[in-house]
Amino acid sequence: MSCTTPNHVIEEAVRFHGHVCPGLVIGIRASEVCLEEFGHNNDEPICCVCETDMCGVDAIQFMTGCTLGKGNLMQRDYGKTAFTFYRKRDGKGIRLLLNRDALGRDHDESSDLLKKSLEGTITAQEAERMEALREQTRQQILDAPIETLFTRMEPDQFIPRPPKILETLTCEHCGEGIMESRSRRFAGQTLCIPCFAKVEQKV
């Protein structure tokens, strides 16, 4: 089945993210699976693990109610276009991995042109070609049956534990407060992660 998200919701997701792009649309399609299987977080507590930092993460936050601030969206940037949704009530989960072939045979050309655009070396003609290809890819993603767009599998990890309130420690190098679980011990000192990196390199 092709995209089931109403146009006005897509437009709102675009406004939330700031622009329309293939990555955002991938996140919209992944969110459709979550909403169909588990519902919205406001109705049924869910969480999501994103294995990427791409634009689709914003679509997931907007559409499912899983957000970084609430602690029910975890970003583990492995460089994979993959999203795992869990239903907290029973721990049931779904992992969706993007099928690269679903992006079309012109995707590599589009990526090369985008790289040139970011480097500031793209010509006006190439920029026009890039936008046409990206629009083509966006439409392919919207039109693709969900089973060809993603490989669906069981999660290979347990549902993440819920957020916890932990003790605040003081970094002995910079004096700033740090969450206990993010602290480091080195040479008898309690350090924050940035200070640990600085001090450890000097030894």
Protein backbone atom coordinates (compact mmCIF):
# COMPACT_ATOMS: atom_id res chain seq x y z
CA MET A 1 0.00 0.00 0.00
CA SER A 2 1.26 3.50 -0.83
CA CYS A 3 1.36 6.40 1.63
CA THR A 4 -1.69 6.63 3.90
CA THR A 5 -0.73 9.89 5.62
CA PRO A 6 -3.09 12.77 4.69
CA ASN A 7 -1.52 15.61 2.71
CA HIS A 8 -2.18 18.15 5.44
CA VAL A 9 -0.23 16.02 7.95
CA ILE A 10 2.67 15.73 5.49
CA GLU A 11 2.62 19.52 5.08
CA GLU A 12 2.68 19.97 8.87
CA ALA A 13 5.62 17.55 9.14
CA VAL A 14 7.45 19.57 6.48
CA ARG A 15 6.85 22.79 8.44
CA PHE A 16 8.08 21.12 11.62
CA HIS A 17 11.27 19.94 9.93
CA GLY A 18 11.83 23.06 7.85
CA HIS A 19 11.95 21.62 4.33
CA VAL A 20 10.77 18.65 2.30
CA CYS A 21 13.29 15.98 1.34
CA PRO A 22 13.47 12.23 0.70
CA GLY A 23 14.77 11.60 4.22
CA LEU A 24 11.76 13.24 5.83
CA VAL A 25 9.40 11.17 3.70
CA ILE A 26 11.19 7.97 4.74
CA GLY A 27 10.45 8.89 8.35
CA ILE A 28 6.81 9.57 7.50
CA ARG A 29 6.45 6.12 5.95
CA ALA A 30 8.15 4.43 8.91
CA SER A 31 5.81 6.31 11.25
CA GLU A 32 2.82 4.93 9.35
CA VAL A 33 3.85 1.41 10.34
CA CYS A 34 4.18 2.42 13.99
CA LEU A 35 0.81 4.16 14.05
CA GLU A 36 -0.91 1.19 12.40
CA GLU A 37 0.70 -1.40 14.69
CA PHE A 38 0.95 0.41 18.03
CA GLY A 39 -0.85 3.75 17.74
CA HIS A 40 0.34 7.19 18.89
CA ASN A 41 2.26 7.63 22.14
CA ASN A 42 -0.59 9.74 23.52
CA ASP A 43 -2.88 6.69 23.33
CA GLU A 44 -0.47 3.79 23.92
CA PRO A 45 2.98 4.38 25.44
CA ILE A 46 5.62 3.53 22.83
CA CYS A 47 9.27 4.25 22.20
CA CYS A 48 11.55 4.34 19.18
CA VAL A 49 15.22 3.64 18.57
CA CYS A 50 16.64 5.46 15.51
CA GLU A 51 19.89 4.14 14.05
CA THR A 52 20.49 7.32 12.06
CA ASP A 53 20.67 11.10 12.40
CA MET A 54 18.86 11.73 9.11
CA CYS A 55 15.86 13.98 8.50
CA GLY A 56 13.36 11.18 9.04
CA VAL A 57 13.93 11.36 12.80
CA ASP A 58 11.99 14.65 12.82
CA ALA A 59 9.06 13.00 11.05
CA ILE A 60 9.00 10.27 13.69
CA GLN A 61 9.00 12.83 16.50
CA PHE A 62 6.22 14.81 14.85
CA MET A 63 4.00 11.88 13.90
CA THR A 64 4.36 9.33 16.70
CA GLY A 65 4.93 11.40 19.84
CA CYS A 66 8.29 9.73 20.47
CA THR A 67 10.70 12.58 21.22
CA LEU A 68 14.21 13.04 22.54
CA GLY A 69 12.99 15.30 25.32
CA LYS A 70 10.47 12.76 26.67
CA GLY A 71 13.12 10.07 26.64
CA ASN A 72 11.07 7.70 24.49
CA LEU A 73 13.15 8.33 21.37
CA MET A 74 16.72 7.04 21.49
CA GLN A 75 19.20 8.04 18.79
CA ARG A 76 21.90 5.44 18.30
CA ASP A 77 23.60 6.70 15.20
CA TYR A 78 25.00 3.59 13.55
CA GLY A 79 24.67 5.15 10.10
CA LYS A 80 21.82 2.79 9.20
CA THR A 81 18.44 3.92 7.94
CA ALA A 82 16.63 1.76 10.46
CA PHE A 83 13.94 2.44 13.04
CA THR A 84 12.70 0.17 15.82
CA PHE A 85 9.36 0.86 17.49
CA TYR A 86 8.33 -0.77 20.78
CA ARG A 87 5.04 -0.95 22.62
CA LYS A 88 5.89 -0.45 26.29
CA ARG A 89 2.91 -2.41 27.64
CA ASP A 90 4.17 -5.77 26.42
CA GLY A 91 7.59 -5.02 24.89
CA LYS A 92 6.49 -5.99 21.40
CA GLY A 93 8.69 -4.39 18.74
CA ILE A 94 9.20 -3.93 15.01
CA ARG A 95 12.49 -3.03 13.31
CA LEU A 96 12.25 -1.39 9.89
CA LEU A 97 15.32 -1.28 7.65
CA LEU A 98 15.18 0.82 4.48
CA ASN A 99 15.60 -1.09 1.25
CA ARG A 100 18.03 1.08 -0.73
CA ASP A 101 16.71 -0.25 -4.05
CA ALA A 102 13.35 1.34 -3.25
CA LEU A 103 14.93 4.79 -3.76
CA GLY A 104 15.24 4.21 -7.50
CA ARG A 105 18.09 3.82 -9.95
CA ASP A 106 18.81 7.57 -10.02
CA HIS A 107 19.49 7.83 -6.29
CA ASP A 108 23.29 7.65 -6.67
CA GLU A 109 23.26 10.53 -9.15
CA SER A 110 21.06 12.55 -6.80
CA SER A 111 23.46 11.89 -3.90
CA ASP A 112 26.45 12.99 -5.97
CA LEU A 113 24.70 16.23 -6.92
CA LEU A 114 23.71 16.88 -3.31
CA LYS A 115 27.34 16.48 -2.28
CA LYS A 116 28.36 19.06 -4.89
CA SER A 117 25.62 21.37 -3.62
CA LEU A 118 26.91 21.13 -0.04
CA GLU A 119 30.45 21.78 -1.26
CA GLY A 120 29.28 24.85 -3.22
CA THR A 121 30.51 23.51 -6.56
CA ILE A 122 27.17 22.73 -8.20
CA THR A 123 26.15 24.53 -11.39
CA ALA A 124 22.70 26.01 -11.95
CA GLN A 125 21.87 23.25 -14.43
CA GLU A 126 23.02 20.58 -12.01
CA ALA A 127 21.00 22.15 -9.18
CA GLU A 128 17.88 22.00 -11.32
CA ARG A 129 18.60 18.36 -12.15
CA MET A 130 19.16 17.59 -8.47
CA GLU A 131 15.82 19.04 -7.40
CA ALA A 132 14.02 17.10 -10.12
CA LEU A 133 15.66 13.85 -8.99
CA ARG A 134 14.92 14.50 -5.33
CA GLU A 135 11.27 15.22 -6.12
CA GLN A 136 11.18 12.00 -8.13
CA THR A 137 12.65 10.08 -5.18
CA ARG A 138 10.18 11.64 -2.74
CA GLN A 139 7.28 10.54 -4.91
CA GLN A 140 8.70 7.03 -5.29
CA ILE A 141 8.93 6.74 -1.51
CA LEU A 142 5.33 7.93 -1.09
CA ASP A 143 4.05 5.56 -3.78
CA ALA A 144 6.03 2.48 -2.77
CA PRO A 145 4.26 -0.41 -1.01
CA ILE A 146 5.50 -0.43 2.57
CA GLU A 147 6.72 -4.03 2.25
CA THR A 148 9.06 -3.05 -0.60
CA LEU A 149 10.23 0.15 1.09
CA PHE A 150 11.33 -1.53 4.33
CA THR A 151 12.51 -4.92 5.44
CA ARG A 152 10.52 -5.72 8.55
CA MET A 153 12.08 -7.86 11.27
CA GLU A 154 12.02 -8.65 14.96
CA PRO A 155 14.22 -6.33 17.07
CA ASP A 156 17.61 -7.78 18.00
CA GLN A 157 17.64 -5.85 21.30
CA PHE A 158 15.29 -5.64 24.28
CA ILE A 159 13.10 -2.60 24.76
CA PRO A 160 15.18 0.25 26.26
CA ARG A 161 14.71 0.83 29.97
CA PRO A 162 12.66 3.90 30.93
CA PRO A 163 14.45 7.14 31.91
CA LYS A 164 15.70 7.31 35.49
CA ILE A 165 16.45 10.21 37.82
CA LEU A 166 20.10 9.80 38.85
CA GLU A 167 22.44 11.67 41.17
CA THR A 168 24.13 14.82 39.92
CA LEU A 169 27.89 14.78 40.45
CA THR A 170 30.42 17.60 40.06
CA CYS A 171 33.21 17.35 37.51
CA GLU A 172 36.48 17.88 39.39
CA HIS A 173 38.07 19.53 36.33
CA CYS A 174 35.51 22.10 35.16
CA GLY A 175 33.23 22.22 38.20
CA GLU A 176 30.04 21.65 36.22
CA GLY A 177 27.26 19.28 37.27
CA ILE A 178 26.92 15.98 35.42
CA MET A 179 24.48 13.08 35.50
CA GLU A 180 26.00 10.15 37.39
CA SER A 181 25.63 7.75 34.45
CA ARG A 182 27.54 10.13 32.14
CA SER A 183 30.49 10.63 34.48
CA ARG A 184 33.97 9.14 34.05
CA ARG A 185 36.55 8.13 36.66
CA PHE A 186 40.19 8.81 35.80
CA ALA A 187 43.26 9.02 38.05
CA GLY A 188 41.01 9.17 41.09
CA GLN A 189 38.88 12.04 39.75
CA THR A 190 35.23 12.24 38.73
CA LEU A 191 35.07 13.91 35.32
CA CYS A 192 32.51 14.87 32.70
CA ILE A 193 32.95 13.35 29.25
CA PRO A 194 34.59 16.42 27.60
CA CYS A 195 37.05 16.86 30.47
CA PHE A 196 37.82 13.15 30.51
CA ALA A 197 38.73 13.38 26.82
CA LYS A 198 41.05 16.34 27.50
CA VAL A 199 42.72 14.94 30.59
CA GLU A 200 43.13 11.39 29.28
CA GLN A 201 44.92 12.66 26.17
CA LYS A 202 47.55 14.48 28.27
CA VAL A 203 48.67 11.37 30.13
